[in-house]
Amino acid sequence: MAGVKNQNVVLGLSLLAAVGFGILANKFKAGIKRLGTAFIGSFIVIRGIASYAGGLPSEFAETKKEAAALDYASNDALFVYAYFAGFIVLGIFGFWVQRKYLELPEEDDDKFDEMKGEDESKVCGCF
């Protein structure tokens, strides 16, 4: 994308970006979890409403012919935009509720380590 033709430079920049984004993801993991669950929940709510109210094309059964037939100046397009706006509003609201009212505990990786304190020769479960 940057117009770099040398593959070694591209590989080095890719590795550097992966490490950098890994560090950022580890630092902001609580916010990423809140944002992800808020928008997944928002999608489920909007999809459920649309399955009863109608007006939102199915993302699974849509063909190119059906997509071309959707007139974006018609009321169908207004429903799609309204559902999208509702999705964004519900996602932001869900994130705000989780941030304000739900306190995520600090993750302690040792808490989930079932083999903590065990003899290293017996951790495989064979003996």
Protein backbone atom coordinates (compact mmCIF):
# COMPACT_ATOMS: atom_id res chain seq x y z
CA MET A 1 0.00 0.00 0.00
CA ALA A 2 2.89 2.34 0.65
CA GLY A 3 4.49 1.51 -2.67
CA VAL A 4 7.45 -0.35 -1.15
CA LYS A 5 8.67 -3.00 -3.59
CA ASN A 6 11.36 -4.63 -1.45
CA GLN A 7 9.91 -7.75 0.20
CA ASN A 8 12.37 -7.65 3.09
CA VAL A 9 11.27 -4.14 4.02
CA VAL A 10 7.61 -5.16 3.78
CA LEU A 11 8.26 -8.21 5.98
CA GLY A 12 10.15 -6.15 8.54
CA LEU A 13 7.43 -3.51 8.68
CA SER A 14 4.77 -6.22 8.98
CA LEU A 15 6.58 -7.82 11.92
CA LEU A 16 7.08 -4.44 13.56
CA ALA A 17 3.38 -3.61 13.13
CA ALA A 18 2.37 -7.02 14.53
CA VAL A 19 4.49 -6.52 17.64
CA GLY A 20 3.26 -2.94 18.08
CA PHE A 21 -0.41 -3.85 17.73
CA GLY A 22 0.11 -6.84 20.02
CA ILE A 23 1.44 -4.54 22.73
CA LEU A 24 -1.47 -2.13 22.20
CA ALA A 25 -4.00 -4.97 22.32
CA ASN A 26 -2.51 -6.25 25.56
CA LYS A 27 -2.64 -2.77 27.09
CA PHE A 28 -6.25 -2.07 26.06
CA LYS A 29 -7.68 -5.60 26.28
CA ALA A 30 -10.48 -4.65 28.69
CA GLY A 31 -11.70 -1.90 26.35
CA ILE A 32 -11.41 -4.15 23.33
CA LYS A 33 -13.51 -6.82 25.07
CA ARG A 34 -16.16 -4.27 26.03
CA LEU A 35 -16.29 -2.79 22.54
CA GLY A 36 -16.43 -6.20 20.89
CA THR A 37 -19.20 -7.58 23.09
CA ALA A 38 -21.20 -4.35 22.81
CA PHE A 39 -21.20 -4.42 19.02
CA ILE A 40 -21.83 -8.17 18.79
CA GLY A 41 -24.82 -7.74 21.08
CA SER A 42 -25.95 -4.74 19.07
CA PHE A 43 -25.84 -6.77 15.86
CA ILE A 44 -27.84 -9.60 17.43
CA VAL A 45 -30.55 -7.19 18.65
CA ILE A 46 -30.81 -5.37 15.31
CA ARG A 47 -30.83 -8.64 13.36
CA GLY A 48 -33.60 -9.97 15.61
CA ILE A 49 -35.69 -6.84 15.15
CA ALA A 50 -35.15 -6.94 11.40
CA SER A 51 -36.21 -10.57 11.16
CA TYR A 52 -39.65 -9.57 12.49
CA ALA A 53 -39.99 -6.04 11.13
CA GLY A 54 -38.40 -6.70 7.74
CA GLY A 55 -36.57 -4.31 5.46
CA LEU A 56 -33.05 -5.57 6.12
CA PRO A 57 -31.67 -7.84 3.41
CA SER A 58 -30.17 -11.13 4.58
CA GLU A 59 -26.39 -11.14 4.62
CA PHE A 60 -26.36 -14.90 4.07
CA ALA A 61 -28.78 -15.42 1.17
CA GLU A 62 -28.14 -12.28 -0.83
CA THR A 63 -26.99 -12.75 -4.40
CA LYS A 64 -25.49 -10.19 -6.73
CA LYS A 65 -28.77 -10.02 -8.62
CA GLU A 66 -30.71 -9.21 -5.43
CA ALA A 67 -28.10 -6.63 -4.42
CA ALA A 68 -28.35 -4.93 -7.81
CA ALA A 69 -32.16 -4.89 -7.55
CA LEU A 70 -32.05 -2.95 -4.27
CA ASP A 71 -32.86 0.61 -5.17
CA TYR A 72 -30.91 2.86 -2.82
CA ALA A 73 -33.36 5.71 -3.32
CA SER A 74 -36.31 3.62 -2.18
CA ASN A 75 -37.73 2.97 1.27
CA ASP A 76 -35.75 -0.29 1.46
CA ALA A 77 -32.53 1.70 1.59
CA LEU A 78 -33.99 3.92 4.30
CA PHE A 79 -34.64 0.81 6.40
CA VAL A 80 -31.05 -0.32 5.89
CA TYR A 81 -29.70 3.07 6.96
CA ALA A 82 -32.05 3.15 9.96
CA TYR A 83 -30.94 -0.32 11.03
CA PHE A 84 -27.30 0.70 10.64
CA ALA A 85 -27.84 3.83 12.72
CA GLY A 86 -29.57 1.73 15.37
CA PHE A 87 -26.66 -0.72 15.30
CA ILE A 88 -24.15 2.09 15.91
CA VAL A 89 -26.25 3.74 18.64
CA LEU A 90 -26.87 0.43 20.46
CA GLY A 91 -23.18 -0.48 20.18
CA ILE A 92 -22.04 2.81 21.69
CA PHE A 93 -24.70 2.60 24.39
CA GLY A 94 -23.69 -0.99 25.23
CA PHE A 95 -20.06 0.04 25.48
CA TRP A 96 -20.98 2.94 27.77
CA VAL A 97 -23.11 0.69 30.02
CA GLN A 98 -20.33 -1.87 30.31
CA ARG A 99 -17.76 0.80 31.07
CA LYS A 100 -19.89 2.59 33.65
CA TYR A 101 -21.64 -0.27 35.46
CA LEU A 102 -19.59 -3.42 34.89
CA GLU A 103 -16.18 -3.62 36.42
CA LEU A 104 -13.92 -6.13 34.73
CA PRO A 105 -11.53 -7.75 37.15
CA GLU A 106 -7.86 -7.50 36.43
CA GLU A 107 -6.95 -10.67 34.66
CA ASP A 108 -4.56 -12.85 36.56
CA ASP A 109 -3.15 -15.48 34.23
CA ASP A 110 -2.11 -17.60 37.20
CA LYS A 111 -5.74 -17.85 38.27
CA PHE A 112 -6.49 -20.02 35.24
CA ASP A 113 -3.31 -22.08 35.47
CA GLU A 114 -4.54 -25.47 36.66
CA MET A 115 -1.03 -26.85 36.87
CA LYS A 116 0.38 -24.09 39.07
CA GLY A 117 2.44 -25.53 41.88
CA GLU A 118 2.46 -29.03 40.38
CA ASP A 119 5.58 -31.10 39.88
CA GLU A 120 6.75 -30.42 36.31
CA SER A 121 7.27 -34.09 35.57
CA LYS A 122 3.59 -34.81 36.30
CA VAL A 123 1.85 -32.01 34.43
CA CYS A 124 1.18 -33.99 31.27
CA GLY A 125 -1.42 -36.12 33.04
CA CYS A 126 0.28 -39.38 32.12
CA PHE A 127 1.44 -40.37 35.62
